[in-house]
Amino acid sequence: MRAGRQLLGFLSLAIILLAGCPAVGPLDTGGYGGLNNDVIGEVQFVDARSREMEIRTDAGRRTLVRFDNNTQVSYRQRTYPVTSLERGDYVAARVEQDRDGRLFTDSISVRETAQDRGMGASVGTRLDHAEGRVEYIDSRRGTFEIRDQRNRIIVVSVALNAPRVVTDRFNRLRNGDYVRIEGRSISSDRFDLENFL
């Protein structure tokens, strides 16, 4: 009888411990589309303010991944800031779970750009236009902010494979410059730059 009570006590303790334990071992990425803690798929958006990006895997799963200023994007043996990524880029993000259980990446490799995949504006998609005065430039992250005619702040991202003429113009930008640009509006306050007008 005493042995039975000990066994029951042991089983109860084991159940309590297992129920309260987080998963141990490598992150289960079976639903993410990759191995070795990789999330592999197509970039849907990159939000520099909230430091989040969304990747849609080949299986159609949409995964939100956080990043920070130290997160590196590699493409053709060069490194870029995360904000250089654009919708349609096909990437592999090395992820881990943070203390809140959210996915975080410190390293992203670009397997194919949107242009490589025939998804860029260069293949005939309609371009949006914007204009305004430059309020802030972040050359390290490849972004700048403009204030448009409606007094809205728009964060403009320069693509990681932007033509030389675009990157040269970006490097010459100064606060207060008035610019007219074309590209793709991601949201009311996000714009992917294709060209200066």
N, C-alpha and C. Protein backbone atom coordinates (compact mmCIF):
# COMPACT_ATOMS: atom_id res chain seq x y z
N MET A 1 0.84 -1.20 0.00
CA MET A 1 0.00 0.00 0.00
C MET A 1 0.88 1.26 0.00
N ARG A 2 1.95 1.23 0.83
CA ARG A 2 2.84 2.37 0.89
C ARG A 2 3.55 2.58 -0.44
N ALA A 3 3.98 1.47 -1.07
CA ALA A 3 4.65 1.55 -2.37
C ALA A 3 3.71 2.14 -3.41
N GLY A 4 2.42 1.76 -3.33
CA GLY A 4 1.44 2.29 -4.28
C GLY A 4 1.28 3.80 -4.14
N ARG A 5 1.28 4.26 -2.84
CA ARG A 5 1.16 5.70 -2.61
C ARG A 5 2.40 6.45 -3.11
N GLN A 6 3.57 5.84 -2.93
CA GLN A 6 4.80 6.47 -3.41
C GLN A 6 4.79 6.58 -4.94
N LEU A 7 4.34 5.51 -5.60
CA LEU A 7 4.27 5.51 -7.06
C LEU A 7 3.29 6.58 -7.54
N LEU A 8 2.13 6.65 -6.86
CA LEU A 8 1.13 7.65 -7.23
C LEU A 8 1.69 9.07 -7.02
N GLY A 9 2.42 9.26 -5.91
CA GLY A 9 3.03 10.57 -5.64
C GLY A 9 4.07 10.92 -6.70
N PHE A 10 4.86 9.93 -7.09
CA PHE A 10 5.88 10.16 -8.12
C PHE A 10 5.24 10.51 -9.45
N LEU A 11 4.19 9.78 -9.83
CA LEU A 11 3.50 10.05 -11.09
C LEU A 11 2.87 11.43 -11.08
N SER A 12 2.28 11.82 -9.94
CA SER A 12 1.66 13.15 -9.85
C SER A 12 2.71 14.24 -10.00
N LEU A 13 3.85 14.06 -9.34
CA LEU A 13 4.93 15.03 -9.44
C LEU A 13 5.45 15.13 -10.87
N ALA A 14 5.59 13.99 -11.53
CA ALA A 14 6.08 13.97 -12.91
C ALA A 14 5.12 14.72 -13.84
N ILE A 15 3.82 14.52 -13.65
CA ILE A 15 2.82 15.19 -14.48
C ILE A 15 2.87 16.71 -14.27
N ILE A 16 2.98 17.11 -12.99
CA ILE A 16 3.05 18.55 -12.67
C ILE A 16 4.29 19.17 -13.31
N LEU A 17 5.43 18.48 -13.18
CA LEU A 17 6.67 19.02 -13.74
C LEU A 17 6.60 19.11 -15.26
N LEU A 18 6.07 18.07 -15.90
CA LEU A 18 5.97 18.08 -17.36
C LEU A 18 5.01 19.15 -17.85
N ALA A 19 3.92 19.35 -17.14
CA ALA A 19 2.94 20.36 -17.56
C ALA A 19 3.52 21.76 -17.46
N GLY A 20 4.38 21.99 -16.46
CA GLY A 20 4.91 23.33 -16.27
C GLY A 20 6.21 23.59 -17.01
N CYS A 21 6.75 22.58 -17.68
CA CYS A 21 8.04 22.73 -18.33
C CYS A 21 7.89 23.23 -19.75
N PRO A 22 8.67 24.22 -20.16
CA PRO A 22 8.67 24.59 -21.57
C PRO A 22 9.35 23.50 -22.38
N ALA A 23 9.12 23.52 -23.67
CA ALA A 23 9.74 22.52 -24.54
C ALA A 23 11.25 22.62 -24.43
N VAL A 24 11.90 21.49 -24.38
CA VAL A 24 13.34 21.45 -24.28
C VAL A 24 13.90 20.98 -25.60
N GLY A 25 15.08 21.49 -25.96
CA GLY A 25 15.69 21.06 -27.21
C GLY A 25 15.48 22.10 -28.29
N PRO A 26 15.85 21.74 -29.53
CA PRO A 26 15.77 22.71 -30.61
C PRO A 26 14.34 23.10 -30.91
N LEU A 27 14.20 24.31 -31.42
CA LEU A 27 12.89 24.82 -31.79
C LEU A 27 12.26 23.94 -32.86
N ASP A 28 10.99 23.63 -32.68
CA ASP A 28 10.28 22.83 -33.68
C ASP A 28 9.97 23.72 -34.87
N THR A 29 10.71 23.54 -35.94
CA THR A 29 10.50 24.37 -37.12
C THR A 29 9.78 23.61 -38.23
N GLY A 30 9.20 22.50 -37.88
CA GLY A 30 8.52 21.71 -38.90
C GLY A 30 7.48 22.53 -39.64
N GLY A 31 6.80 23.44 -38.91
CA GLY A 31 5.78 24.26 -39.55
C GLY A 31 6.33 25.50 -40.21
N TYR A 32 7.64 25.75 -40.03
CA TYR A 32 8.21 26.99 -40.54
C TYR A 32 8.82 26.82 -41.92
N GLY A 33 9.09 25.62 -42.34
CA GLY A 33 9.62 25.42 -43.68
C GLY A 33 11.12 25.27 -43.73
N GLY A 34 11.78 25.04 -42.60
CA GLY A 34 13.22 24.90 -42.63
C GLY A 34 13.73 23.96 -41.57
N LEU A 35 15.05 23.74 -41.58
CA LEU A 35 15.71 22.91 -40.60
C LEU A 35 16.66 23.79 -39.80
N ASN A 36 17.17 23.24 -38.71
CA ASN A 36 18.16 23.94 -37.90
C ASN A 36 17.69 25.34 -37.50
N ASN A 37 16.43 25.42 -37.07
CA ASN A 37 15.87 26.68 -36.59
C ASN A 37 15.81 27.78 -37.65
N ASP A 38 15.65 27.39 -38.91
CA ASP A 38 15.49 28.36 -39.99
C ASP A 38 14.02 28.53 -40.34
N VAL A 39 13.62 29.78 -40.55
CA VAL A 39 12.33 30.07 -41.17
C VAL A 39 12.63 30.46 -42.61
N ILE A 40 12.12 29.69 -43.55
CA ILE A 40 12.43 29.90 -44.96
C ILE A 40 11.16 30.27 -45.70
N GLY A 41 11.22 31.36 -46.46
CA GLY A 41 10.06 31.74 -47.23
C GLY A 41 10.18 33.13 -47.81
N GLU A 42 9.04 33.68 -48.19
CA GLU A 42 8.97 34.96 -48.89
C GLU A 42 8.64 36.09 -47.93
N VAL A 43 9.42 37.15 -47.99
CA VAL A 43 9.18 38.31 -47.14
C VAL A 43 7.85 38.96 -47.54
N GLN A 44 7.00 39.22 -46.54
CA GLN A 44 5.73 39.90 -46.78
C GLN A 44 5.83 41.38 -46.44
N PHE A 45 6.49 41.69 -45.32
CA PHE A 45 6.75 43.09 -44.98
C PHE A 45 7.86 43.15 -43.93
N VAL A 46 8.48 44.32 -43.85
CA VAL A 46 9.46 44.61 -42.81
C VAL A 46 9.04 45.93 -42.16
N ASP A 47 8.83 45.91 -40.85
CA ASP A 47 8.42 47.11 -40.13
C ASP A 47 9.59 47.56 -39.24
N ALA A 48 10.26 48.63 -39.67
CA ALA A 48 11.44 49.09 -38.93
C ALA A 48 11.09 49.63 -37.56
N ARG A 49 9.90 50.23 -37.43
CA ARG A 49 9.54 50.83 -36.14
C ARG A 49 9.30 49.77 -35.07
N SER A 50 8.53 48.74 -35.42
CA SER A 50 8.26 47.68 -34.43
C SER A 50 9.33 46.59 -34.45
N ARG A 51 10.25 46.70 -35.42
CA ARG A 51 11.33 45.70 -35.58
C ARG A 51 10.76 44.30 -35.73
N GLU A 52 9.82 44.19 -36.64
CA GLU A 52 9.21 42.90 -36.96
C GLU A 52 9.14 42.73 -38.47
N MET A 53 9.25 41.50 -38.90
CA MET A 53 9.04 41.17 -40.31
C MET A 53 8.18 39.93 -40.39
N GLU A 54 7.47 39.80 -41.50
CA GLU A 54 6.63 38.62 -41.70
C GLU A 54 7.15 37.84 -42.89
N ILE A 55 7.27 36.52 -42.70
CA ILE A 55 7.73 35.61 -43.75
C ILE A 55 6.62 34.59 -44.01
N ARG A 56 6.29 34.42 -45.28
CA ARG A 56 5.31 33.39 -45.66
C ARG A 56 6.07 32.19 -46.20
N THR A 57 5.94 31.04 -45.53
CA THR A 57 6.67 29.85 -45.94
C THR A 57 6.02 29.22 -47.16
N ASP A 58 6.71 28.26 -47.76
CA ASP A 58 6.18 27.57 -48.93
C ASP A 58 4.87 26.86 -48.61
N ALA A 59 4.70 26.50 -47.34
CA ALA A 59 3.46 25.83 -46.93
C ALA A 59 2.32 26.82 -46.71
N GLY A 60 2.61 28.13 -46.85
CA GLY A 60 1.58 29.14 -46.71
C GLY A 60 1.44 29.70 -45.31
N ARG A 61 2.28 29.25 -44.40
CA ARG A 61 2.22 29.74 -43.02
C ARG A 61 2.88 31.11 -42.93
N ARG A 62 2.19 32.06 -42.28
CA ARG A 62 2.75 33.40 -42.09
C ARG A 62 3.37 33.48 -40.70
N THR A 63 4.65 33.79 -40.65
CA THR A 63 5.39 33.79 -39.40
C THR A 63 5.96 35.17 -39.13
N LEU A 64 5.67 35.70 -37.94
CA LEU A 64 6.19 37.00 -37.53
C LEU A 64 7.52 36.78 -36.82
N VAL A 65 8.56 37.48 -37.28
CA VAL A 65 9.91 37.32 -36.72
C VAL A 65 10.42 38.69 -36.29
N ARG A 66 10.94 38.77 -35.08
CA ARG A 66 11.50 40.03 -34.57
C ARG A 66 12.98 40.12 -34.94
N PHE A 67 13.50 41.36 -35.00
CA PHE A 67 14.92 41.58 -35.28
C PHE A 67 15.38 42.80 -34.49
N ASP A 68 16.69 43.07 -34.49
CA ASP A 68 17.19 44.27 -33.84
C ASP A 68 18.28 44.90 -34.69
N ASN A 69 18.94 45.92 -34.15
CA ASN A 69 19.95 46.65 -34.93
C ASN A 69 21.16 45.79 -35.30
N ASN A 70 21.35 44.69 -34.59
CA ASN A 70 22.50 43.83 -34.87
C ASN A 70 22.19 42.70 -35.86
N THR A 71 20.92 42.57 -36.23
CA THR A 71 20.55 41.52 -37.17
C THR A 71 21.18 41.81 -38.53
N GLN A 72 21.85 40.82 -39.09
CA GLN A 72 22.55 40.98 -40.36
C GLN A 72 21.83 40.26 -41.49
N VAL A 73 21.75 40.92 -42.65
CA VAL A 73 21.22 40.29 -43.86
C VAL A 73 22.40 40.08 -44.80
N SER A 74 22.57 38.85 -45.28
CA SER A 74 23.67 38.58 -46.21
C SER A 74 23.10 38.23 -47.59
N TYR A 75 23.75 38.78 -48.60
CA TYR A 75 23.34 38.54 -49.99
C TYR A 75 24.58 38.70 -50.87
N ARG A 76 24.93 37.65 -51.59
CA ARG A 76 26.09 37.65 -52.48
C ARG A 76 27.35 38.14 -51.76
N GLN A 77 27.57 37.57 -50.59
CA GLN A 77 28.77 37.81 -49.78
C GLN A 77 28.91 39.25 -49.30
N ARG A 78 27.79 39.97 -49.23
CA ARG A 78 27.79 41.31 -48.63
C ARG A 78 26.71 41.35 -47.57
N THR A 79 26.85 42.27 -46.61
CA THR A 79 25.86 42.38 -45.55
C THR A 79 25.08 43.67 -45.69
N TYR A 80 23.79 43.62 -45.28
CA TYR A 80 22.88 44.75 -45.41
C TYR A 80 22.02 44.83 -44.16
N PRO A 81 21.40 45.99 -43.90
CA PRO A 81 20.43 46.07 -42.80
C PRO A 81 19.13 45.38 -43.20
N VAL A 82 18.35 44.99 -42.20
CA VAL A 82 17.09 44.28 -42.46
C VAL A 82 16.15 45.13 -43.30
N THR A 83 16.21 46.44 -43.12
CA THR A 83 15.30 47.31 -43.86
C THR A 83 15.58 47.33 -45.35
N SER A 84 16.69 46.74 -45.79
CA SER A 84 16.95 46.63 -47.22
C SER A 84 16.10 45.54 -47.87
N LEU A 85 15.55 44.65 -47.06
CA LEU A 85 14.71 43.59 -47.62
C LEU A 85 13.43 44.20 -48.18
N GLU A 86 12.86 43.55 -49.19
CA GLU A 86 11.60 44.01 -49.75
C GLU A 86 10.65 42.85 -49.94
N ARG A 87 9.40 43.18 -50.08
CA ARG A 87 8.36 42.17 -50.29
C ARG A 87 8.73 41.32 -51.50
N GLY A 88 8.65 39.99 -51.32
CA GLY A 88 8.95 39.08 -52.42
C GLY A 88 10.34 38.47 -52.35
N ASP A 89 11.25 39.06 -51.54
CA ASP A 89 12.56 38.44 -51.36
C ASP A 89 12.38 37.07 -50.71
N TYR A 90 13.14 36.08 -51.18
CA TYR A 90 13.06 34.72 -50.64
C TYR A 90 14.26 34.53 -49.72
N VAL A 91 13.99 34.29 -48.43
CA VAL A 91 15.04 34.33 -47.42
C VAL A 91 15.00 33.11 -46.51
N ALA A 92 16.12 32.91 -45.82
CA ALA A 92 16.20 31.95 -44.72
C ALA A 92 16.64 32.72 -43.49
N ALA A 93 15.78 32.77 -42.48
CA ALA A 93 16.09 33.50 -41.24
C ALA A 93 16.39 32.49 -40.13
N ARG A 94 17.57 32.63 -39.53
CA ARG A 94 17.91 31.76 -38.39
C ARG A 94 17.19 32.30 -37.16
N VAL A 95 16.35 31.49 -36.54
CA VAL A 95 15.51 32.00 -35.46
C VAL A 95 15.73 31.24 -34.15
N GLU A 96 15.38 31.94 -33.09
CA GLU A 96 15.30 31.32 -31.76
C GLU A 96 14.13 31.99 -31.05
N GLN A 97 13.69 31.39 -29.96
CA GLN A 97 12.59 31.98 -29.21
C GLN A 97 13.13 32.86 -28.10
N ASP A 98 12.54 34.06 -27.97
CA ASP A 98 12.96 34.93 -26.88
C ASP A 98 12.22 34.54 -25.60
N ARG A 99 12.41 35.33 -24.54
CA ARG A 99 11.81 34.98 -23.25
C ARG A 99 10.29 34.97 -23.28
N ASP A 100 9.72 35.72 -24.22
CA ASP A 100 8.26 35.77 -24.33
C ASP A 100 7.71 34.72 -25.30
N GLY A 101 8.60 33.88 -25.81
CA GLY A 101 8.16 32.83 -26.73
C GLY A 101 8.01 33.29 -28.17
N ARG A 102 8.42 34.54 -28.46
CA ARG A 102 8.35 35.05 -29.83
C ARG A 102 9.62 34.70 -30.58
N LEU A 103 9.50 34.61 -31.91
CA LEU A 103 10.67 34.27 -32.72
C LEU A 103 11.52 35.51 -32.94
N PHE A 104 12.84 35.32 -32.85
CA PHE A 104 13.80 36.39 -33.05
C PHE A 104 14.89 35.89 -33.98
N THR A 105 15.38 36.77 -34.88
CA THR A 105 16.48 36.38 -35.78
C THR A 105 17.64 37.35 -35.66
N ASP A 106 18.85 36.82 -35.73
CA ASP A 106 20.03 37.68 -35.77
C ASP A 106 20.76 37.54 -37.09
N SER A 107 20.27 36.62 -37.95
CA SER A 107 20.96 36.37 -39.22
C SER A 107 19.96 35.94 -40.28
N ILE A 108 19.97 36.63 -41.41
CA ILE A 108 19.06 36.33 -42.52
C ILE A 108 19.89 36.24 -43.79
N SER A 109 19.72 35.17 -44.54
CA SER A 109 20.39 35.06 -45.83
C SER A 109 19.35 35.15 -46.94
N VAL A 110 19.65 35.98 -47.93
CA VAL A 110 18.75 36.15 -49.07
C VAL A 110 19.11 35.09 -50.10
N ARG A 111 18.15 34.22 -50.41
CA ARG A 111 18.38 33.20 -51.43
C ARG A 111 18.07 33.71 -52.83
N GLU A 112 17.00 34.50 -52.93
CA GLU A 112 16.66 35.15 -54.19
C GLU A 112 15.97 36.48 -53.87
N THR A 113 16.33 37.54 -54.59
CA THR A 113 15.63 38.80 -54.40
C THR A 113 14.32 38.76 -55.17
N ALA A 114 13.45 39.71 -54.87
CA ALA A 114 12.18 39.79 -55.60
C ALA A 114 12.43 39.97 -57.10
N GLN A 115 13.47 40.75 -57.44
CA GLN A 115 13.79 40.95 -58.85
C GLN A 115 14.29 39.65 -59.49
N ASP A 116 15.12 38.90 -58.75
CA ASP A 116 15.59 37.61 -59.27
C ASP A 116 14.42 36.70 -59.60
N ARG A 117 13.37 36.80 -58.80
CA ARG A 117 12.22 35.92 -58.94
C ARG A 117 11.17 36.49 -59.90
N GLY A 118 11.48 37.63 -60.52
CA GLY A 118 10.55 38.22 -61.47
C GLY A 118 9.37 38.89 -60.81
N MET A 119 9.57 39.35 -59.55
CA MET A 119 8.47 39.95 -58.81
C MET A 119 8.67 41.44 -58.59
N GLY A 120 9.79 41.99 -59.06
CA GLY A 120 10.09 43.39 -58.81
C GLY A 120 9.33 44.32 -59.73
N ALA A 121 9.42 45.59 -59.43
CA ALA A 121 8.73 46.59 -60.23
C ALA A 121 9.27 46.65 -61.64
N SER A 122 10.48 46.13 -61.86
CA SER A 122 11.09 46.21 -63.17
C SER A 122 10.38 45.34 -64.20
N VAL A 123 9.50 44.48 -63.77
CA VAL A 123 8.83 43.59 -64.73
C VAL A 123 7.41 44.05 -65.01
N GLY A 124 7.12 45.32 -64.79
CA GLY A 124 5.85 45.86 -65.27
C GLY A 124 4.80 46.14 -64.23
N THR A 125 5.07 45.92 -62.94
CA THR A 125 4.06 46.27 -61.94
C THR A 125 3.99 47.78 -61.81
N ARG A 126 2.82 48.29 -61.46
CA ARG A 126 2.60 49.73 -61.38
C ARG A 126 3.40 50.32 -60.21
N LEU A 127 4.04 51.43 -60.47
CA LEU A 127 4.82 52.09 -59.43
C LEU A 127 3.99 53.20 -58.79
N ASP A 128 4.17 53.36 -57.48
CA ASP A 128 3.54 54.46 -56.75
C ASP A 128 4.53 55.62 -56.69
N HIS A 129 4.00 56.82 -56.44
CA HIS A 129 4.84 58.00 -56.34
C HIS A 129 4.61 58.68 -54.99
N ALA A 130 5.64 59.32 -54.51
CA ALA A 130 5.54 60.10 -53.27
C ALA A 130 6.52 61.25 -53.37
N GLU A 131 6.29 62.27 -52.58
CA GLU A 131 7.23 63.38 -52.52
C GLU A 131 7.12 64.06 -51.16
N GLY A 132 8.20 64.70 -50.80
CA GLY A 132 8.19 65.40 -49.53
C GLY A 132 9.59 65.84 -49.13
N ARG A 133 9.68 66.42 -47.94
CA ARG A 133 10.96 66.93 -47.45
C ARG A 133 11.60 65.89 -46.52
N VAL A 134 12.90 65.68 -46.71
CA VAL A 134 13.64 64.69 -45.92
C VAL A 134 13.74 65.18 -44.47
N GLU A 135 13.29 64.34 -43.54
CA GLU A 135 13.32 64.68 -42.12
C GLU A 135 14.43 63.96 -41.36
N TYR A 136 14.75 62.75 -41.83
CA TYR A 136 15.72 61.93 -41.08
C TYR A 136 16.34 60.92 -42.04
N ILE A 137 17.64 60.68 -41.90
CA ILE A 137 18.36 59.73 -42.75
C ILE A 137 19.09 58.74 -41.86
N ASP A 138 18.90 57.44 -42.12
CA ASP A 138 19.63 56.39 -41.41
C ASP A 138 20.43 55.61 -42.45
N SER A 139 21.64 56.06 -42.70
CA SER A 139 22.43 55.45 -43.77
C SER A 139 22.83 54.02 -43.43
N ARG A 140 22.96 53.70 -42.15
CA ARG A 140 23.34 52.34 -41.77
C ARG A 140 22.24 51.34 -42.09
N ARG A 141 20.99 51.77 -41.92
CA ARG A 141 19.87 50.86 -42.17
C ARG A 141 19.29 51.02 -43.57
N GLY A 142 19.81 51.99 -44.34
CA GLY A 142 19.34 52.17 -45.69
C GLY A 142 17.92 52.73 -45.77
N THR A 143 17.59 53.65 -44.85
CA THR A 143 16.25 54.25 -44.85
C THR A 143 16.35 55.76 -44.69
N PHE A 144 15.29 56.44 -45.11
CA PHE A 144 15.14 57.85 -44.78
C PHE A 144 13.66 58.14 -44.62
N GLU A 145 13.38 59.24 -43.94
CA GLU A 145 11.99 59.62 -43.69
C GLU A 145 11.69 60.92 -44.40
N ILE A 146 10.50 60.98 -45.02
CA ILE A 146 10.06 62.23 -45.62
C ILE A 146 8.73 62.64 -45.00
N ARG A 147 8.50 63.95 -44.98
CA ARG A 147 7.20 64.48 -44.57
C ARG A 147 6.48 64.92 -45.84
N ASP A 148 5.34 64.26 -46.14
CA ASP A 148 4.65 64.55 -47.39
C ASP A 148 3.73 65.76 -47.27
N GLN A 149 2.98 66.03 -48.36
CA GLN A 149 2.13 67.22 -48.40
C GLN A 149 1.01 67.17 -47.37
N ARG A 150 0.65 65.96 -46.92
CA ARG A 150 -0.39 65.82 -45.91
C ARG A 150 0.19 65.84 -44.49
N ASN A 151 1.48 66.17 -44.39
CA ASN A 151 2.17 66.25 -43.10
C ASN A 151 2.36 64.87 -42.45
N ARG A 152 2.34 63.81 -43.26
CA ARG A 152 2.59 62.46 -42.76
C ARG A 152 4.08 62.13 -42.89
N ILE A 153 4.59 61.39 -41.94
CA ILE A 153 5.96 60.88 -42.03
C ILE A 153 5.93 59.53 -42.73
N ILE A 154 6.72 59.38 -43.79
CA ILE A 154 6.81 58.13 -44.53
C ILE A 154 8.24 57.62 -44.44
N VAL A 155 8.39 56.36 -44.01
CA VAL A 155 9.71 55.73 -43.94
C VAL A 155 9.99 55.07 -45.29
N VAL A 156 11.06 55.50 -45.93
CA VAL A 156 11.42 55.01 -47.26
C VAL A 156 12.63 54.09 -47.15
N SER A 157 12.50 52.88 -47.70
CA SER A 157 13.58 51.89 -47.66
C SER A 157 14.23 51.75 -49.03
N VAL A 158 15.56 51.72 -49.04
CA VAL A 158 16.32 51.52 -50.26
C VAL A 158 16.60 50.02 -50.39
N ALA A 159 16.28 49.45 -51.54
CA ALA A 159 16.47 48.00 -51.74
C ALA A 159 17.94 47.63 -51.67
N LEU A 160 18.23 46.42 -51.19
CA LEU A 160 19.62 46.00 -51.03
C LEU A 160 20.33 45.85 -52.37
N ASN A 161 19.57 45.63 -53.45
CA ASN A 161 20.20 45.52 -54.77
C ASN A 161 19.81 46.70 -55.66
N ALA A 162 19.62 47.86 -55.03
CA ALA A 162 19.23 49.05 -55.78
C ALA A 162 20.35 49.43 -56.75
N PRO A 163 19.98 50.01 -57.89
CA PRO A 163 20.99 50.44 -58.86
C PRO A 163 21.94 51.47 -58.25
N ARG A 164 23.13 51.55 -58.81
CA ARG A 164 24.16 52.46 -58.29
C ARG A 164 23.67 53.90 -58.28
N VAL A 165 22.93 54.30 -59.31
CA VAL A 165 22.46 55.68 -59.38
C VAL A 165 21.55 56.01 -58.20
N VAL A 166 20.77 55.02 -57.74
CA VAL A 166 19.88 55.22 -56.60
C VAL A 166 20.68 55.31 -55.30
N THR A 167 21.62 54.38 -55.10
CA THR A 167 22.41 54.41 -53.86
C THR A 167 23.28 55.66 -53.79
N ASP A 168 23.79 56.11 -54.94
CA ASP A 168 24.59 57.34 -54.94
C ASP A 168 23.74 58.53 -54.51
N ARG A 169 22.53 58.61 -55.03
CA ARG A 169 21.64 59.72 -54.67
C ARG A 169 21.27 59.64 -53.19
N PHE A 170 21.02 58.42 -52.70
CA PHE A 170 20.71 58.23 -51.28
C PHE A 170 21.86 58.72 -50.41
N ASN A 171 23.09 58.40 -50.81
CA ASN A 171 24.26 58.79 -50.03
C ASN A 171 24.45 60.31 -50.01
N ARG A 172 23.89 61.02 -51.00
CA ARG A 172 24.03 62.48 -51.06
C ARG A 172 22.88 63.21 -50.36
N LEU A 173 21.86 62.47 -49.91
CA LEU A 173 20.70 63.10 -49.28
C LEU A 173 21.10 63.86 -48.02
N ARG A 174 20.41 64.97 -47.78
CA ARG A 174 20.61 65.74 -46.55
C ARG A 174 19.24 66.11 -45.98
N ASN A 175 19.16 66.26 -44.68
CA ASN A 175 17.91 66.72 -44.06
C ASN A 175 17.48 68.04 -44.70
N GLY A 176 16.20 68.15 -45.02
CA GLY A 176 15.68 69.36 -45.63
C GLY A 176 15.56 69.28 -47.14
N ASP A 177 16.23 68.29 -47.77
CA ASP A 177 16.10 68.12 -49.23
C ASP A 177 14.65 67.77 -49.58
N TYR A 178 14.19 68.31 -50.70
CA TYR A 178 12.85 67.95 -51.19
C TYR A 178 13.05 66.90 -52.28
N VAL A 179 12.36 65.76 -52.13
CA VAL A 179 12.56 64.66 -53.08
C VAL A 179 11.23 64.18 -53.65
N ARG A 180 11.29 63.72 -54.89
CA ARG A 180 10.18 63.02 -55.53
C ARG A 180 10.68 61.62 -55.85
N ILE A 181 9.91 60.63 -55.43
CA ILE A 181 10.37 59.24 -55.54
C ILE A 181 9.28 58.36 -56.14
N GLU A 182 9.70 57.21 -56.68
CA GLU A 182 8.75 56.21 -57.12
C GLU A 182 9.17 54.86 -56.57
N GLY A 183 8.17 54.00 -56.40
CA GLY A 183 8.42 52.68 -55.84
C GLY A 183 7.10 52.03 -55.48
N ARG A 184 7.09 51.36 -54.35
CA ARG A 184 5.88 50.66 -53.93
C ARG A 184 5.48 51.05 -52.51
N SER A 185 4.23 51.47 -52.35
CA SER A 185 3.71 51.78 -51.02
C SER A 185 3.36 50.47 -50.31
N ILE A 186 4.01 50.22 -49.19
CA ILE A 186 3.75 49.01 -48.40
C ILE A 186 2.58 49.26 -47.46
N SER A 187 2.51 50.48 -46.94
CA SER A 187 1.40 50.89 -46.08
C SER A 187 1.36 52.42 -46.15
N SER A 188 0.51 53.04 -45.35
CA SER A 188 0.40 54.50 -45.41
C SER A 188 1.68 55.20 -44.96
N ASP A 189 2.53 54.49 -44.21
CA ASP A 189 3.76 55.13 -43.74
C ASP A 189 5.02 54.35 -44.08
N ARG A 190 4.92 53.42 -45.04
CA ARG A 190 6.08 52.62 -45.48
C ARG A 190 6.15 52.63 -47.00
N PHE A 191 7.35 52.85 -47.53
CA PHE A 191 7.52 52.96 -48.97
C PHE A 191 8.83 52.30 -49.37
N ASP A 192 8.77 51.40 -50.37
CA ASP A 192 9.99 50.78 -50.90
C ASP A 192 10.43 51.57 -52.13
N LEU A 193 11.61 52.16 -52.06
CA LEU A 193 12.10 53.03 -53.11
C LEU A 193 12.60 52.22 -54.32
N GLU A 194 12.21 52.64 -55.50
CA GLU A 194 12.76 52.09 -56.73
C GLU A 194 13.66 53.12 -57.42
N ASN A 195 13.23 54.40 -57.36
CA ASN A 195 14.00 55.40 -58.10
C ASN A 195 13.69 56.81 -57.57
N PHE A 196 14.65 57.69 -57.70
CA PHE A 196 14.43 59.11 -57.46
C PHE A 196 13.99 59.75 -58.76
N LEU A 197 13.06 60.70 -58.71
CA LEU A 197 12.58 61.38 -59.92
C LEU A 197 13.16 62.79 -60.01
